[in-house]
Amino acid sequence: MAALLGGVRVEQRTFVTASIEDFNAKQTRVRLNFVDKQFRSATNGQQATDEVVVENPKIYENAFEKIGEAVFIRTAQK
């Protein structure tokens, strides 16, 4: 999402990083981190970035639910 406010362009995006590792023969450990980043740039060339870690558990629950569904579908297709 981008907006122009008082000569300053503001753009906000959510980024996710994932770490995946085999835990044992039947389990995999997945770690997700969501970060909201806000980019600001002024017409004079100044730029700034703010980062806020997403702490809302519903976001993570939704993501892991979708991952679980995808794993289930792929497992069923084998």
PDB file of N, CA and C in Angstrom:
ATOM      1  N   MET A   1       0.843  -1.166   0.000  1.00  0.00           N
ATOM      2  CA  MET A   1       0.000   0.000   0.000  1.00  0.00           C
ATOM      3  C   MET A   1       0.892   1.235   0.000  1.00  0.00           C
ATOM      4  N   ALA A   2       0.596   2.189  -0.856  1.00  0.00           N
ATOM      5  CA  ALA A   2       1.392   3.407  -0.932  1.00  0.00           C
ATOM      6  C   ALA A   2       0.472   4.611  -0.877  1.00  0.00           C
ATOM      7  N   ALA A   3       0.943   5.678  -0.252  1.00  0.00           N
ATOM      8  CA  ALA A   3       0.169   6.913  -0.169  1.00  0.00           C
ATOM      9  C   ALA A   3       1.139   8.085  -0.205  1.00  0.00           C
ATOM     10  N   LEU A   4       0.641   9.221  -0.675  1.00  0.00           N
ATOM     11  CA  LEU A   4       1.440  10.439  -0.694  1.00  0.00           C
ATOM     12  C   LEU A   4       0.816  11.392   0.309  1.00  0.00           C
ATOM     13  N   LEU A   5       1.587  11.771   1.322  1.00  0.00           N
ATOM     14  CA  LEU A   5       1.067  12.605   2.393  1.00  0.00           C
ATOM     15  C   LEU A   5       2.033  13.748   2.652  1.00  0.00           C
ATOM     16  N   GLY A   6       1.644  14.969   2.343  1.00  0.00           N
ATOM     17  CA  GLY A   6       2.492  16.138   2.611  1.00  0.00           C
ATOM     18  C   GLY A   6       3.836  16.070   1.925  1.00  0.00           C
ATOM     19  N   GLY A   7       3.901  15.568   0.693  1.00  0.00           N
ATOM     20  CA  GLY A   7       5.162  15.472  -0.023  1.00  0.00           C
ATOM     21  C   GLY A   7       6.004  14.271   0.363  1.00  0.00           C
ATOM     22  N   VAL A   8       5.460  13.398   1.200  1.00  0.00           N
ATOM     23  CA  VAL A   8       6.176  12.199   1.633  1.00  0.00           C
ATOM     24  C   VAL A   8       5.405  10.988   1.139  1.00  0.00           C
ATOM     25  N   ARG A   9       6.089  10.142   0.404  1.00  0.00           N
ATOM     26  CA  ARG A   9       5.478   8.900  -0.073  1.00  0.00           C
ATOM     27  C   ARG A   9       5.657   7.843   1.008  1.00  0.00           C
ATOM     28  N   VAL A  10       4.557   7.194   1.388  1.00  0.00           N
ATOM     29  CA  VAL A  10       4.581   6.165   2.424  1.00  0.00           C
ATOM     30  C   VAL A  10       4.111   4.860   1.801  1.00  0.00           C
ATOM     31  N   GLU A  11       4.910   3.818   1.998  1.00  0.00           N
ATOM     32  CA  GLU A  11       4.571   2.500   1.481  1.00  0.00           C
ATOM     33  C   GLU A  11       4.728   1.497   2.605  1.00  0.00           C
ATOM     34  N   GLN A  12       3.718   0.661   2.802  1.00  0.00           N
ATOM     35  CA  GLN A  12       3.777  -0.327   3.873  1.00  0.00           C
ATOM     36  C   GLN A  12       3.603  -1.712   3.293  1.00  0.00           C
ATOM     37  N   ARG A  13       4.449  -2.632   3.754  1.00  0.00           N
ATOM     38  CA  ARG A  13       4.397  -4.033   3.321  1.00  0.00           C
ATOM     39  C   ARG A  13       4.667  -4.931   4.514  1.00  0.00           C
ATOM     40  N   THR A  14       4.149  -6.148   4.419  1.00  0.00           N
ATOM     41  CA  THR A  14       4.435  -7.155   5.435  1.00  0.00           C
ATOM     42  C   THR A  14       5.372  -8.184   4.824  1.00  0.00           C
ATOM     43  N   PHE A  15       6.454  -8.462   5.525  1.00  0.00           N
ATOM     44  CA  PHE A  15       7.444  -9.438   5.080  1.00  0.00           C
ATOM     45  C   PHE A  15       7.421 -10.633   6.022  1.00  0.00           C
ATOM     46  N   VAL A  16       7.736 -11.788   5.480  1.00  0.00           N
ATOM     47  CA  VAL A  16       7.826 -12.987   6.302  1.00  0.00           C
ATOM     48  C   VAL A  16       9.144 -13.691   6.012  1.00  0.00           C
ATOM     49  N   THR A  17       9.777 -14.165   7.063  1.00  0.00           N
ATOM     50  CA  THR A  17      10.947 -15.020   6.898  1.00  0.00           C
ATOM     51  C   THR A  17      10.581 -16.394   7.465  1.00  0.00           C
ATOM     52  N   ALA A  18      11.152 -17.426   6.886  1.00  0.00           N
ATOM     53  CA  ALA A  18      10.850 -18.784   7.321  1.00  0.00           C
ATOM     54  C   ALA A  18      12.142 -19.554   7.535  1.00  0.00           C
ATOM     55  N   SER A  19      12.144 -20.337   8.573  1.00  0.00           N
ATOM     56  CA  SER A  19      13.247 -21.242   8.858  1.00  0.00           C
ATOM     57  C   SER A  19      12.645 -22.643   8.955  1.00  0.00           C
ATOM     58  N   ILE A  20      13.162 -23.562   8.154  1.00  0.00           N
ATOM     59  CA  ILE A  20      12.621 -24.927   8.111  1.00  0.00           C
ATOM     60  C   ILE A  20      13.767 -25.906   8.305  1.00  0.00           C
ATOM     61  N   GLU A  21      13.590 -26.835   9.247  1.00  0.00           N
ATOM     62  CA  GLU A  21      14.626 -27.845   9.461  1.00  0.00           C
ATOM     63  C   GLU A  21      13.988 -29.180   9.833  1.00  0.00           C
ATOM     64  N   ASP A  22      14.632 -30.254   9.418  1.00  0.00           N
ATOM     65  CA  ASP A  22      14.172 -31.585   9.800  1.00  0.00           C
ATOM     66  C   ASP A  22      14.448 -31.784  11.279  1.00  0.00           C
ATOM     67  N   PHE A  23      13.412 -32.181  12.005  1.00  0.00           N
ATOM     68  CA  PHE A  23      13.560 -32.421  13.442  1.00  0.00           C
ATOM     69  C   PHE A  23      13.889 -33.882  13.690  1.00  0.00           C
ATOM     70  N   ASN A  24      13.162 -34.750  13.015  1.00  0.00           N
ATOM     71  CA  ASN A  24      13.464 -36.180  13.007  1.00  0.00           C
ATOM     72  C   ASN A  24      12.825 -36.760  11.749  1.00  0.00           C
ATOM     73  N   ALA A  25      12.766 -38.088  11.647  1.00  0.00           N
ATOM     74  CA  ALA A  25      12.291 -38.714  10.404  1.00  0.00           C
ATOM     75  C   ALA A  25      10.846 -38.360  10.058  1.00  0.00           C
ATOM     76  N   LYS A  26      10.037 -38.024  11.053  1.00  0.00           N
ATOM     77  CA  LYS A  26       8.620 -37.747  10.792  1.00  0.00           C
ATOM     78  C   LYS A  26       8.206 -36.325  11.129  1.00  0.00           C
ATOM     79  N   GLN A  27       9.126 -35.500  11.559  1.00  0.00           N
ATOM     80  CA  GLN A  27       8.768 -34.137  11.958  1.00  0.00           C
ATOM     81  C   GLN A  27       9.723 -33.118  11.354  1.00  0.00           C
ATOM     82  N   THR A  28       9.141 -31.973  11.036  1.00  0.00           N
ATOM     83  CA  THR A  28       9.912 -30.845  10.549  1.00  0.00           C
ATOM     84  C   THR A  28       9.572 -29.646  11.417  1.00  0.00           C
ATOM     85  N   ARG A  29      10.564 -28.864  11.757  1.00  0.00           N
ATOM     86  CA  ARG A  29      10.357 -27.660  12.565  1.00  0.00           C
ATOM     87  C   ARG A  29      10.290 -26.463  11.621  1.00  0.00           C
ATOM     88  N   VAL A  30       9.230 -25.655  11.775  1.00  0.00           N
ATOM     89  CA  VAL A  30       9.030 -24.469  10.945  1.00  0.00           C
ATOM     90  C   VAL A  30       8.907 -23.268  11.863  1.00  0.00           C
ATOM     91  N   ARG A  31       9.650 -22.218  11.553  1.00  0.00           N
ATOM     92  CA  ARG A  31       9.561 -20.975  12.318  1.00  0.00           C
ATOM     93  C   ARG A  31       9.278 -19.849  11.332  1.00  0.00           C
ATOM     94  N   LEU A  32       8.247 -19.062  11.623  1.00  0.00           N
ATOM     95  CA  LEU A  32       7.890 -17.922  10.791  1.00  0.00           C
ATOM     96  C   LEU A  32       8.023 -16.635  11.598  1.00  0.00           C
ATOM     97  N   ASN A  33       8.476 -15.594  10.938  1.00  0.00           N
ATOM     98  CA  ASN A  33       8.525 -14.262  11.537  1.00  0.00           C
ATOM     99  C   ASN A  33       7.911 -13.280  10.554  1.00  0.00           C
ATOM    100  N   PHE A  34       6.875 -12.572  10.992  1.00  0.00           N
ATOM    101  CA  PHE A  34       6.235 -11.549  10.180  1.00  0.00           C
ATOM    102  C   PHE A  34       6.669 -10.178  10.687  1.00  0.00           C
ATOM    103  N   VAL A  35       6.994  -9.291   9.753  1.00  0.00           N
ATOM    104  CA  VAL A  35       7.418  -7.929  10.093  1.00  0.00           C
ATOM    105  C   VAL A  35       6.697  -6.961   9.168  1.00  0.00           C
ATOM    106  N   ASP A  36       6.051  -5.958   9.766  1.00  0.00           N
ATOM    107  CA  ASP A  36       5.467  -4.870   8.984  1.00  0.00           C
ATOM    108  C   ASP A  36       6.544  -3.814   8.786  1.00  0.00           C
ATOM    109  N   LYS A  37       6.784  -3.448   7.533  1.00  0.00           N
ATOM    110  CA  LYS A  37       7.781  -2.412   7.230  1.00  0.00           C
ATOM    111  C   LYS A  37       7.083  -1.234   6.574  1.00  0.00           C
ATOM    112  N   GLN A  38       7.424  -0.055   7.036  1.00  0.00           N
ATOM    113  CA  GLN A  38       6.892   1.172   6.452  1.00  0.00           C
ATOM    114  C   GLN A  38       8.065   1.961   5.881  1.00  0.00           C
ATOM    115  N   PHE A  39       7.995   2.210   4.581  1.00  0.00           N
ATOM    116  CA  PHE A  39       9.032   2.953   3.874  1.00  0.00           C
ATOM    117  C   PHE A  39       8.509   4.363   3.614  1.00  0.00           C
ATOM    118  N   ARG A  40       9.316   5.335   3.941  1.00  0.00           N
ATOM    119  CA  ARG A  40       8.938   6.724   3.672  1.00  0.00           C
ATOM    120  C   ARG A  40      10.035   7.368   2.843  1.00  0.00           C
ATOM    121  N   SER A  41       9.618   8.117   1.824  1.00  0.00           N
ATOM    122  CA  SER A  41      10.588   8.870   1.028  1.00  0.00           C
ATOM    123  C   SER A  41       9.984  10.240   0.722  1.00  0.00           C
ATOM    124  N   ALA A  42      10.790  11.271   0.898  1.00  0.00           N
ATOM    125  CA  ALA A  42      10.358  12.641   0.662  1.00  0.00           C
ATOM    126  C   ALA A  42      10.821  13.091  -0.721  1.00  0.00           C
ATOM    127  N   THR A  43      10.196  14.137  -1.196  1.00  0.00           N
ATOM    128  CA  THR A  43      10.553  14.657  -2.522  1.00  0.00           C
ATOM    129  C   THR A  43      11.985  15.172  -2.554  1.00  0.00           C
ATOM    130  N   ASN A  44      12.566  15.477  -1.390  1.00  0.00           N
ATOM    131  CA  ASN A  44      13.951  15.959  -1.348  1.00  0.00           C
ATOM    132  C   ASN A  44      14.968  14.817  -1.264  1.00  0.00           C
ATOM    133  N   GLY A  45      14.500  13.554  -1.337  1.00  0.00           N
ATOM    134  CA  GLY A  45      15.418  12.415  -1.360  1.00  0.00           C
ATOM    135  C   GLY A  45      15.620  11.720  -0.027  1.00  0.00           C
ATOM    136  N   GLN A  46      15.104  12.289   1.056  1.00  0.00           N
ATOM    137  CA  GLN A  46      15.252  11.632   2.355  1.00  0.00           C
ATOM    138  C   GLN A  46      14.424  10.358   2.387  1.00  0.00           C
ATOM    139  N   GLN A  47      14.987   9.328   3.052  1.00  0.00           N
ATOM    140  CA  GLN A  47      14.288   8.050   3.158  1.00  0.00           C
ATOM    141  C   GLN A  47      14.397   7.525   4.576  1.00  0.00           C
ATOM    142  N   ALA A  48      13.385   6.779   4.991  1.00  0.00           N
ATOM    143  CA  ALA A  48      13.385   6.156   6.315  1.00  0.00           C
ATOM    144  C   ALA A  48      12.573   4.869   6.240  1.00  0.00           C
ATOM    145  N   THR A  49      12.920   3.945   7.116  1.00  0.00           N
ATOM    146  CA  THR A  49      12.204   2.680   7.206  1.00  0.00           C
ATOM    147  C   THR A  49      11.932   2.377   8.674  1.00  0.00           C
ATOM    148  N   ASP A  50      10.696   2.006   8.972  1.00  0.00           N
ATOM    149  CA  ASP A  50      10.327   1.553  10.312  1.00  0.00           C
ATOM    150  C   ASP A  50       9.905   0.097  10.209  1.00  0.00           C
ATOM    151  N   GLU A  51      10.312  -0.699  11.191  1.00  0.00           N
ATOM    152  CA  GLU A  51       9.949  -2.114  11.226  1.00  0.00           C
ATOM    153  C   GLU A  51       9.265  -2.419  12.547  1.00  0.00           C
ATOM    154  N   VAL A  52       8.160  -3.149  12.465  1.00  0.00           N
ATOM    155  CA  VAL A  52       7.440  -3.568  13.661  1.00  0.00           C
ATOM    156  C   VAL A  52       7.157  -5.060  13.532  1.00  0.00           C
ATOM    157  N   VAL A  53       7.585  -5.832  14.508  1.00  0.00           N
ATOM    158  CA  VAL A  53       7.333  -7.275  14.508  1.00  0.00           C
ATOM    159  C   VAL A  53       5.842  -7.504  14.719  1.00  0.00           C
ATOM    160  N   VAL A  54       5.254  -8.364  13.902  1.00  0.00           N
ATOM    161  CA  VAL A  54       3.846  -8.706  14.037  1.00  0.00           C
ATOM    162  C   VAL A  54       3.713  -9.689  15.192  1.00  0.00           C
ATOM    163  N   GLU A  55       2.946  -9.321  16.201  1.00  0.00           N
ATOM    164  CA  GLU A  55       2.789 -10.175  17.379  1.00  0.00           C
ATOM    165  C   GLU A  55       1.388 -10.755  17.508  1.00  0.00           C
ATOM    166  N   ASN A  56       0.509 -10.459  16.565  1.00  0.00           N
ATOM    167  CA  ASN A  56      -0.857 -10.946  16.602  1.00  0.00           C
ATOM    168  C   ASN A  56      -0.870 -12.455  16.369  1.00  0.00           C
ATOM    169  N   PRO A  57      -1.262 -13.246  17.365  1.00  0.00           N
ATOM    170  CA  PRO A  57      -1.207 -14.705  17.209  1.00  0.00           C
ATOM    171  C   PRO A  57      -2.115 -15.223  16.097  1.00  0.00           C
ATOM    172  N   LYS A  58      -3.186 -14.521  15.773  1.00  0.00           N
ATOM    173  CA  LYS A  58      -4.101 -14.965  14.716  1.00  0.00           C
ATOM    174  C   LYS A  58      -3.395 -15.025  13.359  1.00  0.00           C
ATOM    175  N   ILE A  59      -2.467 -14.108  13.114  1.00  0.00           N
ATOM    176  CA  ILE A  59      -1.714 -14.102  11.853  1.00  0.00           C
ATOM    177  C   ILE A  59      -0.914 -15.394  11.733  1.00  0.00           C
ATOM    178  N   TYR A  60      -0.228 -15.765  12.811  1.00  0.00           N
ATOM    179  CA  TYR A  60       0.586 -16.982  12.803  1.00  0.00           C
ATOM    180  C   TYR A  60      -0.284 -18.234  12.737  1.00  0.00           C
ATOM    181  N   GLU A  61      -1.395 -18.241  13.475  1.00  0.00           N
ATOM    182  CA  GLU A  61      -2.301 -19.387  13.440  1.00  0.00           C
ATOM    183  C   GLU A  61      -2.827 -19.605  12.023  1.00  0.00           C
ATOM    184  N   ASN A  62      -3.211 -18.536  11.357  1.00  0.00           N
ATOM    185  CA  ASN A  62      -3.717 -18.629   9.993  1.00  0.00           C
ATOM    186  C   ASN A  62      -2.642 -19.173   9.052  1.00  0.00           C
ATOM    187  N   ALA A  63      -1.418 -18.677   9.181  1.00  0.00           N
ATOM    188  CA  ALA A  63      -0.325 -19.136   8.319  1.00  0.00           C
ATOM    189  C   ALA A  63      -0.049 -20.623   8.534  1.00  0.00           C
ATOM    190  N   PHE A  64       0.021 -21.053   9.797  1.00  0.00           N
ATOM    191  CA  PHE A  64       0.309 -22.466  10.058  1.00  0.00           C
ATOM    192  C   PHE A  64      -0.862 -23.360   9.667  1.00  0.00           C
ATOM    193  N   GLU A  65      -2.084 -22.845   9.737  1.00  0.00           N
ATOM    194  CA  GLU A  65      -3.234 -23.606   9.268  1.00  0.00           C
ATOM    195  C   GLU A  65      -3.116 -23.863   7.769  1.00  0.00           C
ATOM    196  N   LYS A  66      -2.743 -22.851   7.011  1.00  0.00           N
ATOM    197  CA  LYS A  66      -2.581 -23.002   5.562  1.00  0.00           C
ATOM    198  C   LYS A  66      -1.429 -23.949   5.231  1.00  0.00           C
ATOM    199  N   ILE A  67      -0.343 -23.869   5.995  1.00  0.00           N
ATOM    200  CA  ILE A  67       0.776 -24.796   5.794  1.00  0.00           C
ATOM    201  C   ILE A  67       0.312 -26.223   6.071  1.00  0.00           C
ATOM    202  N   GLY A  68      -0.444 -26.423   7.159  1.00  0.00           N
ATOM    203  CA  GLY A  68      -0.961 -27.747   7.499  1.00  0.00           C
ATOM    204  C   GLY A  68      -1.853 -28.309   6.412  1.00  0.00           C
ATOM    205  N   GLU A  69      -2.701 -27.457   5.837  1.00  0.00           N
ATOM    206  CA  GLU A  69      -3.568 -27.898   4.743  1.00  0.00           C
ATOM    207  C   GLU A  69      -2.743 -28.321   3.528  1.00  0.00           C
ATOM    208  N   ALA A  70      -1.715 -27.550   3.200  1.00  0.00           N
ATOM    209  CA  ALA A  70      -0.877 -27.881   2.052  1.00  0.00           C
ATOM    210  C   ALA A  70      -0.131 -29.198   2.286  1.00  0.00           C
ATOM    211  N   VAL A  71       0.373 -29.405   3.491  1.00  0.00           N
ATOM    212  CA  VAL A  71       1.076 -30.653   3.812  1.00  0.00           C
ATOM    213  C   VAL A  71       0.108 -31.824   3.708  1.00  0.00           C
ATOM    214  N   PHE A  72      -1.105 -31.643   4.214  1.00  0.00           N
ATOM    215  CA  PHE A  72      -2.104 -32.705   4.150  1.00  0.00           C
ATOM    216  C   PHE A  72      -2.404 -33.089   2.707  1.00  0.00           C
ATOM    217  N   ILE A  73      -2.605 -32.098   1.847  1.00  0.00           N
ATOM    218  CA  ILE A  73      -2.903 -32.365   0.442  1.00  0.00           C
ATOM    219  C   ILE A  73      -1.745 -33.083  -0.235  1.00  0.00           C
ATOM    220  N   ARG A  74      -0.529 -32.607   0.005  1.00  0.00           N
ATOM    221  CA  ARG A  74       0.627 -33.243  -0.629  1.00  0.00           C
ATOM    222  C   ARG A  74       0.844 -34.662  -0.136  1.00  0.00           C
ATOM    223  N   THR A  75       0.594 -34.888   1.163  1.00  0.00           N
ATOM    224  CA  THR A  75       0.753 -36.228   1.727  1.00  0.00           C
ATOM    225  C   THR A  75      -0.290 -37.176   1.146  1.00  0.00           C
ATOM    226  N   ALA A  76      -1.506 -36.682   0.979  1.00  0.00           N
ATOM    227  CA  ALA A  76      -2.598 -37.503   0.439  1.00  0.00           C
ATOM    228  C   ALA A  76      -2.355 -37.863  -1.026  1.00  0.00           C
ATOM    229  N   GLN A  77      -1.606 -37.054  -1.745  1.00  0.00           N
ATOM    230  CA  GLN A  77      -1.352 -37.311  -3.162  1.00  0.00           C
ATOM    231  C   GLN A  77      -0.270 -38.352  -3.384  1.00  0.00           C
ATOM    232  N   LYS A  78       0.474 -38.697  -2.367  1.00  0.00           N
ATOM    233  CA  LYS A  78       1.563 -39.673  -2.518  1.00  0.00           C
ATOM    234  C   LYS A  78       1.053 -41.077  -2.532  1.00  0.00           C
TER     235      LYS A  78
END
